[in-house]
All heavy atoms as atom14 arrays in JSON, in Angstrom:
{
  "sequence": "LRLSCAVSGLFRIDNMGWYRQAPGKQRDFVATISREGTTNYADSVK",
  "atom14_mask": [
    [1, 1, 1, 1, 1, 1, 1, 1, 0, 0, 0, 0, 0, 0],
    [1, 1, 1, 1, 1, 1, 1, 1, 1, 1, 1, 0, 0, 0],
    [1, 1, 1, 1, 1, 1, 1, 1, 0, 0, 0, 0, 0, 0],
    [1, 1, 1, 1, 1, 1, 0, 0, 0, 0, 0, 0, 0, 0],
    [1, 1, 1, 1, 1, 1, 0, 0, 0, 0, 0, 0, 0, 0],
    [1, 1, 1, 1, 1, 0, 0, 0, 0, 0, 0, 0, 0, 0],
    [1, 1, 1, 1, 1, 1, 1, 0, 0, 0, 0, 0, 0, 0],
    [1, 1, 1, 1, 1, 1, 0, 0, 0, 0, 0, 0, 0, 0],
    [1, 1, 1, 1, 0, 0, 0, 0, 0, 0, 0, 0, 0, 0],
    [1, 1, 1, 1, 1, 1, 1, 1, 0, 0, 0, 0, 0, 0],
    [1, 1, 1, 1, 1, 1, 1, 1, 1, 1, 1, 0, 0, 0],
    [1, 1, 1, 1, 1, 1, 1, 1, 1, 1, 1, 0, 0, 0],
    [1, 1, 1, 1, 1, 1, 1, 1, 0, 0, 0, 0, 0, 0],
    [1, 1, 1, 1, 1, 1, 1, 1, 0, 0, 0, 0, 0, 0],
    [1, 1, 1, 1, 1, 1, 1, 1, 0, 0, 0, 0, 0, 0],
    [1, 1, 1, 1, 1, 1, 1, 1, 0, 0, 0, 0, 0, 0],
    [1, 1, 1, 1, 0, 0, 0, 0, 0, 0, 0, 0, 0, 0],
    [1, 1, 1, 1, 1, 1, 1, 1, 1, 1, 1, 1, 1, 1],
    [1, 1, 1, 1, 1, 1, 1, 1, 1, 1, 1, 1, 0, 0],
    [1, 1, 1, 1, 1, 1, 1, 1, 1, 1, 1, 0, 0, 0],
    [1, 1, 1, 1, 1, 1, 1, 1, 1, 0, 0, 0, 0, 0],
    [1, 1, 1, 1, 1, 0, 0, 0, 0, 0, 0, 0, 0, 0],
    [1, 1, 1, 1, 1, 1, 1, 0, 0, 0, 0, 0, 0, 0],
    [1, 1, 1, 1, 0, 0, 0, 0, 0, 0, 0, 0, 0, 0],
    [1, 1, 1, 1, 1, 1, 1, 1, 1, 0, 0, 0, 0, 0],
    [1, 1, 1, 1, 1, 1, 1, 1, 1, 0, 0, 0, 0, 0],
    [1, 1, 1, 1, 1, 1, 1, 1, 1, 1, 1, 0, 0, 0],
    [1, 1, 1, 1, 1, 1, 1, 1, 0, 0, 0, 0, 0, 0],
    [1, 1, 1, 1, 1, 1, 1, 1, 1, 1, 1, 0, 0, 0],
    [1, 1, 1, 1, 1, 1, 1, 0, 0, 0, 0, 0, 0, 0],
    [1, 1, 1, 1, 1, 0, 0, 0, 0, 0, 0, 0, 0, 0],
    [1, 1, 1, 1, 1, 1, 1, 0, 0, 0, 0, 0, 0, 0],
    [1, 1, 1, 1, 1, 1, 1, 1, 0, 0, 0, 0, 0, 0],
    [1, 1, 1, 1, 1, 1, 0, 0, 0, 0, 0, 0, 0, 0],
    [1, 1, 1, 1, 1, 1, 1, 1, 1, 1, 1, 0, 0, 0],
    [1, 1, 1, 1, 1, 1, 1, 1, 1, 0, 0, 0, 0, 0],
    [1, 1, 1, 1, 0, 0, 0, 0, 0, 0, 0, 0, 0, 0],
    [1, 1, 1, 1, 1, 1, 1, 0, 0, 0, 0, 0, 0, 0],
    [1, 1, 1, 1, 1, 1, 1, 0, 0, 0, 0, 0, 0, 0],
    [1, 1, 1, 1, 1, 1, 1, 1, 0, 0, 0, 0, 0, 0],
    [1, 1, 1, 1, 1, 1, 1, 1, 1, 1, 1, 1, 0, 0],
    [1, 1, 1, 1, 1, 0, 0, 0, 0, 0, 0, 0, 0, 0],
    [1, 1, 1, 1, 1, 1, 1, 1, 0, 0, 0, 0, 0, 0],
    [1, 1, 1, 1, 1, 1, 0, 0, 0, 0, 0, 0, 0, 0],
    [1, 1, 1, 1, 1, 1, 1, 0, 0, 0, 0, 0, 0, 0],
    [1, 1, 1, 1, 1, 1, 1, 1, 1, 0, 0, 0, 0, 0]
  ],
  "atom14_positions": [
    [[30.15, 3.4, 6.74], [29.68, 4.15, 7.9], [28.39, 3.5, 8.38], [27.62, 2.97, 7.57], [29.4, 5.61, 7.54], [30.59, 6.53, 7.28], [30.1, 7.87, 6.73], [31.41, 6.75, 8.54], [0.0, 0.0, 0.0], [0.0, 0.0, 0.0], [0.0, 0.0, 0.0], [0.0, 0.0, 0.0], [0.0, 0.0, 0.0], [0.0, 0.0, 0.0]],
    [[28.12, 3.6, 9.66], [26.84, 3.16, 10.2], [26.14, 4.37, 10.8], [26.63, 4.97, 11.76], [27.0, 2.08, 11.26], [25.65, 1.65, 11.86], [25.77, 0.44, 12.77], [26.1, -0.76, 12.01], [26.12, -1.97, 12.56], [25.85, -2.13, 13.84], [26.43, -3.02, 11.82], [0.0, 0.0, 0.0], [0.0, 0.0, 0.0], [0.0, 0.0, 0.0]],
    [[25.02, 4.72, 10.23], [24.23, 5.81, 10.73], [23.19, 5.29, 11.71], [22.67, 4.18, 11.55], [23.52, 6.53, 9.57], [24.4, 6.93, 8.38], [23.56, 7.7, 7.36], [25.6, 7.73, 8.81], [0.0, 0.0, 0.0], [0.0, 0.0, 0.0], [0.0, 0.0, 0.0], [0.0, 0.0, 0.0], [0.0, 0.0, 0.0], [0.0, 0.0, 0.0]],
    [[22.9, 6.1, 12.71], [21.89, 5.75, 13.71], [20.9, 6.9, 13.86], [21.27, 8.06, 13.7], [22.54, 5.49, 15.07], [23.45, 4.43, 15.01], [0.0, 0.0, 0.0], [0.0, 0.0, 0.0], [0.0, 0.0, 0.0], [0.0, 0.0, 0.0], [0.0, 0.0, 0.0], [0.0, 0.0, 0.0], [0.0, 0.0, 0.0], [0.0, 0.0, 0.0]],
    [[19.68, 6.54, 14.18], [18.66, 7.54, 14.45], [17.86, 7.06, 15.65], [17.15, 6.06, 15.57], [17.75, 7.73, 13.25], [16.32, 8.8, 13.55], [0.0, 0.0, 0.0], [0.0, 0.0, 0.0], [0.0, 0.0, 0.0], [0.0, 0.0, 0.0], [0.0, 0.0, 0.0], [0.0, 0.0, 0.0], [0.0, 0.0, 0.0], [0.0, 0.0, 0.0]],
    [[18.01, 7.77, 16.76], [17.32, 7.42, 17.98], [16.13, 8.34, 18.18], [16.25, 9.56, 18.07], [18.28, 7.53, 19.16], [0.0, 0.0, 0.0], [0.0, 0.0, 0.0], [0.0, 0.0, 0.0], [0.0, 0.0, 0.0], [0.0, 0.0, 0.0], [0.0, 0.0, 0.0], [0.0, 0.0, 0.0], [0.0, 0.0, 0.0], [0.0, 0.0, 0.0]],
    [[14.98, 7.73, 18.48], [13.75, 8.49, 18.68], [13.45, 8.53, 20.17], [13.35, 7.49, 20.82], [12.57, 7.85, 17.93], [11.31, 8.69, 18.09], [12.92, 7.66, 16.47], [0.0, 0.0, 0.0], [0.0, 0.0, 0.0], [0.0, 0.0, 0.0], [0.0, 0.0, 0.0], [0.0, 0.0, 0.0], [0.0, 0.0, 0.0], [0.0, 0.0, 0.0]],
    [[13.33, 9.73, 20.7], [13.08, 9.88, 22.13], [11.62, 9.6, 22.46], [10.74, 9.78, 21.62], [13.44, 11.29, 22.58], [12.58, 12.22, 21.95], [0.0, 0.0, 0.0], [0.0, 0.0, 0.0], [0.0, 0.0, 0.0], [0.0, 0.0, 0.0], [0.0, 0.0, 0.0], [0.0, 0.0, 0.0], [0.0, 0.0, 0.0], [0.0, 0.0, 0.0]],
    [[11.38, 9.18, 23.7], [10.02, 8.98, 24.16], [9.54, 7.56, 23.99], [10.15, 6.75, 23.3], [0.0, 0.0, 0.0], [0.0, 0.0, 0.0], [0.0, 0.0, 0.0], [0.0, 0.0, 0.0], [0.0, 0.0, 0.0], [0.0, 0.0, 0.0], [0.0, 0.0, 0.0], [0.0, 0.0, 0.0], [0.0, 0.0, 0.0], [0.0, 0.0, 0.0]],
    [[8.43, 7.27, 24.66], [7.85, 5.92, 24.63], [6.74, 5.91, 23.61], [5.57, 6.13, 23.93], [7.34, 5.54, 26.02], [8.4, 5.46, 27.1], [7.75, 5.17, 28.45], [9.44, 4.4, 26.77], [0.0, 0.0, 0.0], [0.0, 0.0, 0.0], [0.0, 0.0, 0.0], [0.0, 0.0, 0.0], [0.0, 0.0, 0.0], [0.0, 0.0, 0.0]],
    [[7.12, 5.68, 22.35], [6.15, 5.66, 21.27], [6.23, 4.35, 20.51], [7.28, 3.74, 20.44], [6.44, 6.81, 20.28], [6.42, 8.17, 20.91], [7.61, 8.82, 21.2], [5.23, 8.81, 21.18], [7.61, 10.08, 21.77], [5.22, 10.06, 21.76], [6.42, 10.7, 22.05], [0.0, 0.0, 0.0], [0.0, 0.0, 0.0], [0.0, 0.0, 0.0]],
    [[5.12, 3.97, 19.95], [5.11, 2.85, 19.04], [5.36, 3.42, 17.65], [4.52, 4.12, 17.1], [3.79, 2.1, 19.09], [3.77, 0.85, 18.22], [2.4, 0.19, 18.19], [2.37, -1.07, 17.49], [2.32, -1.21, 16.18], [2.27, -0.14, 15.41], [2.3, -2.41, 15.61], [0.0, 0.0, 0.0], [0.0, 0.0, 0.0], [0.0, 0.0, 0.0]],
    [[6.5, 3.08, 17.11], [6.9, 3.66, 15.84], [6.55, 2.72, 14.71], [6.86, 1.53, 14.77], [8.41, 3.97, 15.84], [8.76, 4.89, 17.01], [8.82, 4.61, 14.51], [10.24, 5.09, 17.2], [0.0, 0.0, 0.0], [0.0, 0.0, 0.0], [0.0, 0.0, 0.0], [0.0, 0.0, 0.0], [0.0, 0.0, 0.0], [0.0, 0.0, 0.0]],
    [[5.93, 3.24, 13.7], [5.57, 2.43, 12.55], [6.74, 2.42, 11.55], [7.81, 1.97, 11.9], [4.26, 2.94, 11.95], [3.12, 2.84, 12.96], [3.01, 1.77, 13.59], [2.37, 3.82, 13.14], [0.0, 0.0, 0.0], [0.0, 0.0, 0.0], [0.0, 0.0, 0.0], [0.0, 0.0, 0.0], [0.0, 0.0, 0.0], [0.0, 0.0, 0.0]],
    [[6.54, 2.96, 10.38], [7.63, 2.95, 9.4], [8.78, 3.87, 9.81], [8.57, 4.93, 10.38], [7.1, 3.43, 8.05], [7.16, 2.33, 7.01], [6.97, 1.16, 7.32], [7.42, 2.69, 5.77], [0.0, 0.0, 0.0], [0.0, 0.0, 0.0], [0.0, 0.0, 0.0], [0.0, 0.0, 0.0], [0.0, 0.0, 0.0], [0.0, 0.0, 0.0]],
    [[9.99, 3.42, 9.53], [11.19, 4.21, 9.75], [11.98, 4.21, 8.45], [11.95, 3.21, 7.71], [12.04, 3.64, 10.88], [11.28, 3.4, 12.17], [12.31, 2.74, 13.5], [13.0, 4.26, 14.18], [0.0, 0.0, 0.0], [0.0, 0.0, 0.0], [0.0, 0.0, 0.0], [0.0, 0.0, 0.0], [0.0, 0.0, 0.0], [0.0, 0.0, 0.0]],
    [[12.68, 5.29, 8.2], [13.4, 5.34, 6.93], [14.51, 6.37, 6.91], [14.65, 7.19, 7.83], [0.0, 0.0, 0.0], [0.0, 0.0, 0.0], [0.0, 0.0, 0.0], [0.0, 0.0, 0.0], [0.0, 0.0, 0.0], [0.0, 0.0, 0.0], [0.0, 0.0, 0.0], [0.0, 0.0, 0.0], [0.0, 0.0, 0.0], [0.0, 0.0, 0.0]],
    [[15.29, 6.28, 5.85], [16.39, 7.21, 5.62], [16.22, 7.86, 4.24], [15.85, 7.2, 3.27], [17.73, 6.48, 5.67], [18.12, 6.04, 7.04], [17.88, 4.83, 7.6], [18.81, 6.82, 8.02], [18.39, 4.8, 8.88], [18.97, 6.01, 9.16], [19.33, 8.11, 8.05], [19.62, 6.45, 10.32], [19.96, 8.56, 9.19], [20.1, 7.74, 10.31]],
    [[16.52, 9.14, 4.19], [16.49, 9.92, 2.96], [17.78, 10.72, 2.91], [18.47, 10.86, 3.93], [15.27, 10.86, 2.95], [13.96, 10.11, 2.87], [13.48, 9.4, 3.97], [13.23, 10.07, 1.7], [12.3, 8.67, 3.89], [12.04, 9.36, 1.61], [11.6, 8.67, 2.71], [10.43, 7.94, 2.63], [0.0, 0.0, 0.0], [0.0, 0.0, 0.0]],
    [[18.11, 11.22, 1.75], [19.33, 12.01, 1.65], [19.15, 13.16, 0.67], [18.35, 13.08, -0.25], [20.52, 11.14, 1.22], [20.42, 10.56, -0.19], [21.58, 9.58, -0.42], [21.54, 9.03, -1.77], [22.39, 8.08, -2.18], [23.31, 7.59, -1.36], [22.3, 7.63, -3.43], [0.0, 0.0, 0.0], [0.0, 0.0, 0.0], [0.0, 0.0, 0.0]],
    [[19.94, 14.2, 0.92], [19.87, 15.38, 0.08], [21.27, 15.88, -0.21], [22.0, 16.28, 0.72], [19.04, 16.48, 0.76], [18.78, 17.68, -0.12], [17.69, 18.58, 0.45], [17.36, 18.5, 1.64], [17.12, 19.42, -0.38], [0.0, 0.0, 0.0], [0.0, 0.0, 0.0], [0.0, 0.0, 0.0], [0.0, 0.0, 0.0], [0.0, 0.0, 0.0]],
    [[21.62, 15.84, -1.48], [22.92, 16.36, -1.91], [22.77, 17.86, -2.18], [21.67, 18.34, -2.43], [23.38, 15.63, -3.16], [0.0, 0.0, 0.0], [0.0, 0.0, 0.0], [0.0, 0.0, 0.0], [0.0, 0.0, 0.0], [0.0, 0.0, 0.0], [0.0, 0.0, 0.0], [0.0, 0.0, 0.0], [0.0, 0.0, 0.0], [0.0, 0.0, 0.0]],
    [[23.88, 18.6, -2.17], [23.81, 20.05, -2.41], [23.14, 20.36, -3.74], [23.5, 19.79, -4.78], [25.27, 20.47, -2.4], [25.96, 19.45, -1.57], [25.24, 18.15, -1.84], [0.0, 0.0, 0.0], [0.0, 0.0, 0.0], [0.0, 0.0, 0.0], [0.0, 0.0, 0.0], [0.0, 0.0, 0.0], [0.0, 0.0, 0.0], [0.0, 0.0, 0.0]],
    [[22.16, 21.25, -3.7], [21.48, 21.67, -4.91], [20.49, 20.68, -5.48], [19.95, 20.9, -6.57], [0.0, 0.0, 0.0], [0.0, 0.0, 0.0], [0.0, 0.0, 0.0], [0.0, 0.0, 0.0], [0.0, 0.0, 0.0], [0.0, 0.0, 0.0], [0.0, 0.0, 0.0], [0.0, 0.0, 0.0], [0.0, 0.0, 0.0], [0.0, 0.0, 0.0]],
    [[20.23, 19.6, -4.74], [19.32, 18.58, -5.25], [18.18, 18.37, -4.27], [18.21, 18.8, -3.13], [20.07, 17.26, -5.48], [21.13, 17.35, -6.56], [21.69, 16.0, -6.89], [22.7, 16.08, -8.02], [23.25, 14.74, -8.39], [0.0, 0.0, 0.0], [0.0, 0.0, 0.0], [0.0, 0.0, 0.0], [0.0, 0.0, 0.0], [0.0, 0.0, 0.0]],
    [[17.14, 17.67, -4.74], [16.0, 17.4, -3.88], [16.34, 16.26, -2.92], [17.31, 15.53, -3.1], [14.78, 17.01, -4.72], [14.95, 15.71, -5.48], [13.74, 15.36, -6.33], [12.91, 16.22, -6.64], [13.61, 14.11, -6.71], [0.0, 0.0, 0.0], [0.0, 0.0, 0.0], [0.0, 0.0, 0.0], [0.0, 0.0, 0.0], [0.0, 0.0, 0.0]],
    [[15.52, 16.15, -1.89], [15.7, 15.07, -0.93], [15.17, 13.77, -1.56], [14.04, 13.71, -2.04], [14.97, 15.39, 0.36], [15.28, 14.46, 1.5], [14.68, 14.95, 2.8], [15.22, 16.25, 3.19], [14.94, 16.84, 4.37], [14.15, 16.25, 5.24], [15.45, 18.02, 4.65], [0.0, 0.0, 0.0], [0.0, 0.0, 0.0], [0.0, 0.0, 0.0]],
    [[15.98, 12.72, -1.51], [15.64, 11.45, -2.15], [15.49, 10.32, -1.15], [16.18, 10.29, -0.12], [16.72, 11.06, -3.17], [16.74, 11.96, -4.39], [15.67, 12.47, -4.78], [17.84, 12.14, -4.95], [0.0, 0.0, 0.0], [0.0, 0.0, 0.0], [0.0, 0.0, 0.0], [0.0, 0.0, 0.0], [0.0, 0.0, 0.0], [0.0, 0.0, 0.0]],
    [[14.65, 9.39, -1.49], [14.46, 8.17, -0.71], [15.7, 7.3, -0.77], [16.33, 7.15, -1.82], [13.25, 7.43, -1.28], [13.18, 5.98, -0.96], [12.81, 5.57, 0.32], [13.47, 5.02, -1.91], [12.74, 4.22, 0.62], [13.39, 3.68, -1.61], [13.03, 3.28, -0.34], [0.0, 0.0, 0.0], [0.0, 0.0, 0.0], [0.0, 0.0, 0.0]],
    [[16.07, 6.72, 0.36], [17.19, 5.78, 0.41], [16.69, 4.39, 0.8], [16.92, 3.42, 0.08], [18.27, 6.24, 1.4], [19.38, 5.19, 1.52], [18.85, 7.59, 0.99], [0.0, 0.0, 0.0], [0.0, 0.0, 0.0], [0.0, 0.0, 0.0], [0.0, 0.0, 0.0], [0.0, 0.0, 0.0], [0.0, 0.0, 0.0], [0.0, 0.0, 0.0]],
    [[16.02, 4.3, 1.95], [15.55, 2.99, 2.42], [14.49, 3.19, 3.5], [14.51, 4.2, 4.21], [16.72, 2.19, 2.99], [0.0, 0.0, 0.0], [0.0, 0.0, 0.0], [0.0, 0.0, 0.0], [0.0, 0.0, 0.0], [0.0, 0.0, 0.0], [0.0, 0.0, 0.0], [0.0, 0.0, 0.0], [0.0, 0.0, 0.0], [0.0, 0.0, 0.0]],
    [[13.59, 2.22, 3.59], [12.61, 2.22, 4.65], [12.49, 0.81, 5.23], [12.86, -0.18, 4.58], [11.21, 2.66, 4.17], [10.8, 1.8, 3.1], [11.2, 4.1, 3.71], [0.0, 0.0, 0.0], [0.0, 0.0, 0.0], [0.0, 0.0, 0.0], [0.0, 0.0, 0.0], [0.0, 0.0, 0.0], [0.0, 0.0, 0.0], [0.0, 0.0, 0.0]],
    [[11.97, 0.76, 6.45], [11.74, -0.52, 7.11], [10.45, -0.41, 7.92], [10.26, 0.56, 8.66], [12.95, -0.92, 7.98], [12.73, -2.3, 8.59], [13.26, 0.13, 9.05], [13.99, -2.89, 9.23], [0.0, 0.0, 0.0], [0.0, 0.0, 0.0], [0.0, 0.0, 0.0], [0.0, 0.0, 0.0], [0.0, 0.0, 0.0], [0.0, 0.0, 0.0]],
    [[9.59, -1.41, 7.77], [8.35, -1.43, 8.54], [8.64, -1.94, 9.95], [9.74, -2.44, 10.24], [7.33, -2.34, 7.87], [7.73, -3.69, 7.99], [0.0, 0.0, 0.0], [0.0, 0.0, 0.0], [0.0, 0.0, 0.0], [0.0, 0.0, 0.0], [0.0, 0.0, 0.0], [0.0, 0.0, 0.0], [0.0, 0.0, 0.0], [0.0, 0.0, 0.0]],
    [[7.64, -1.84, 10.79], [7.81, -2.32, 12.16], [8.09, -3.83, 12.17], [8.82, -4.33, 13.03], [6.58, -2.0, 12.99], [6.74, -2.39, 14.45], [5.62, -1.86, 15.32], [5.82, -2.26, 16.7], [6.64, -1.6, 17.53], [7.28, -0.53, 17.12], [6.79, -2.02, 18.77], [0.0, 0.0, 0.0], [0.0, 0.0, 0.0], [0.0, 0.0, 0.0]],
    [[7.54, -4.53, 11.19], [7.71, -5.98, 11.12], [9.01, -6.37, 10.43], [9.36, -7.55, 10.4], [6.53, -6.61, 10.37], [5.18, -6.47, 11.07], [4.63, -5.06, 10.99], [5.0, -4.32, 10.04], [3.81, -4.7, 11.88], [0.0, 0.0, 0.0], [0.0, 0.0, 0.0], [0.0, 0.0, 0.0], [0.0, 0.0, 0.0], [0.0, 0.0, 0.0]],
    [[9.73, -5.37, 9.87], [11.03, -5.66, 9.28], [11.07, -5.72, 7.77], [12.12, -6.05, 7.2], [0.0, 0.0, 0.0], [0.0, 0.0, 0.0], [0.0, 0.0, 0.0], [0.0, 0.0, 0.0], [0.0, 0.0, 0.0], [0.0, 0.0, 0.0], [0.0, 0.0, 0.0], [0.0, 0.0, 0.0], [0.0, 0.0, 0.0], [0.0, 0.0, 0.0]],
    [[9.97, -5.39, 7.11], [9.98, -5.36, 5.65], [10.77, -4.15, 5.17], [10.52, -3.03, 5.63], [8.55, -5.3, 5.1], [7.83, -6.45, 5.54], [8.57, -5.27, 3.58], [0.0, 0.0, 0.0], [0.0, 0.0, 0.0], [0.0, 0.0, 0.0], [0.0, 0.0, 0.0], [0.0, 0.0, 0.0], [0.0, 0.0, 0.0], [0.0, 0.0, 0.0]],
    [[11.69, -4.37, 4.26], [12.58, -3.3, 3.82], [12.37, -2.96, 2.35], [11.95, -3.79, 1.55], [14.05, -3.68, 4.02], [14.32, -4.89, 3.29], [14.36, -3.91, 5.5], [0.0, 0.0, 0.0], [0.0, 0.0, 0.0], [0.0, 0.0, 0.0], [0.0, 0.0, 0.0], [0.0, 0.0, 0.0], [0.0, 0.0, 0.0], [0.0, 0.0, 0.0]],
    [[12.7, -1.71, 2.03], [12.72, -1.25, 0.65], [13.94, -0.36, 0.47], [14.31, 0.38, 1.38], [11.46, -0.44, 0.32], [10.26, -1.32, 0.07], [10.22, -2.07, -0.89], [9.29, -1.26, 0.96], [0.0, 0.0, 0.0], [0.0, 0.0, 0.0], [0.0, 0.0, 0.0], [0.0, 0.0, 0.0], [0.0, 0.0, 0.0], [0.0, 0.0, 0.0]],
    [[14.55, -0.44, -0.72], [15.76, 0.32, -1.0], [15.66, 1.03, -2.34], [15.07, 0.51, -3.28], [16.98, -0.59, -1.03], [17.31, -1.26, 0.27], [16.82, -2.52, 0.57], [18.11, -0.62, 1.21], [17.11, -3.15, 1.78], [18.42, -1.23, 2.42], [17.91, -2.49, 2.69], [18.21, -3.08, 3.89], [0.0, 0.0, 0.0], [0.0, 0.0, 0.0]],
    [[16.31, 2.17, -2.42], [16.49, 2.81, -3.71], [17.43, 1.95, -4.55], [18.35, 1.32, -4.01], [17.07, 4.21, -3.53], [0.0, 0.0, 0.0], [0.0, 0.0, 0.0], [0.0, 0.0, 0.0], [0.0, 0.0, 0.0], [0.0, 0.0, 0.0], [0.0, 0.0, 0.0], [0.0, 0.0, 0.0], [0.0, 0.0, 0.0], [0.0, 0.0, 0.0]],
    [[17.21, 1.93, -5.85], [18.06, 1.1, -6.72], [19.53, 1.48, -6.59], [20.41, 0.62, -6.67], [17.62, 1.27, -8.18], [16.3, 0.59, -8.46], [15.88, -0.27, -7.65], [15.67, 0.92, -9.48], [0.0, 0.0, 0.0], [0.0, 0.0, 0.0], [0.0, 0.0, 0.0], [0.0, 0.0, 0.0], [0.0, 0.0, 0.0], [0.0, 0.0, 0.0]],
    [[19.8, 2.74, -6.35], [21.19, 3.21, -6.3], [21.97, 2.68, -5.11], [23.21, 2.74, -5.1], [21.22, 4.75, -6.28], [20.52, 5.24, -5.15], [0.0, 0.0, 0.0], [0.0, 0.0, 0.0], [0.0, 0.0, 0.0], [0.0, 0.0, 0.0], [0.0, 0.0, 0.0], [0.0, 0.0, 0.0], [0.0, 0.0, 0.0], [0.0, 0.0, 0.0]],
    [[21.27, 2.16, -4.1], [21.97, 1.68, -2.9], [21.78, 0.19, -2.65], [22.39, -0.37, -1.72], [21.54, 2.47, -1.64], [21.71, 3.97, -1.87], [20.12, 2.14, -1.22], [0.0, 0.0, 0.0], [0.0, 0.0, 0.0], [0.0, 0.0, 0.0], [0.0, 0.0, 0.0], [0.0, 0.0, 0.0], [0.0, 0.0, 0.0], [0.0, 0.0, 0.0]],
    [[20.97, -0.47, -3.46], [20.74, -1.9, -3.26], [22.05, -2.67, -3.31], [22.89, -2.46, -4.19], [19.78, -2.44, -4.32], [18.33, -2.13, -4.04], [17.44, -2.7, -5.13], [15.98, -2.37, -4.88], [15.1, -2.86, -5.97], [0.0, 0.0, 0.0], [0.0, 0.0, 0.0], [0.0, 0.0, 0.0], [0.0, 0.0, 0.0], [0.0, 0.0, 0.0]]
  ]
}
């Protein structure tokens, strides 16, 4: 699947990222990307 997240308005956006929450569990980090393109991933999705 390809997920998309569109941010409305004319803003300079710094870090962007994805998190996920399974039923009955806390929200967990999945991945982030800086404005310059530096990425980080959770080990479970690398």
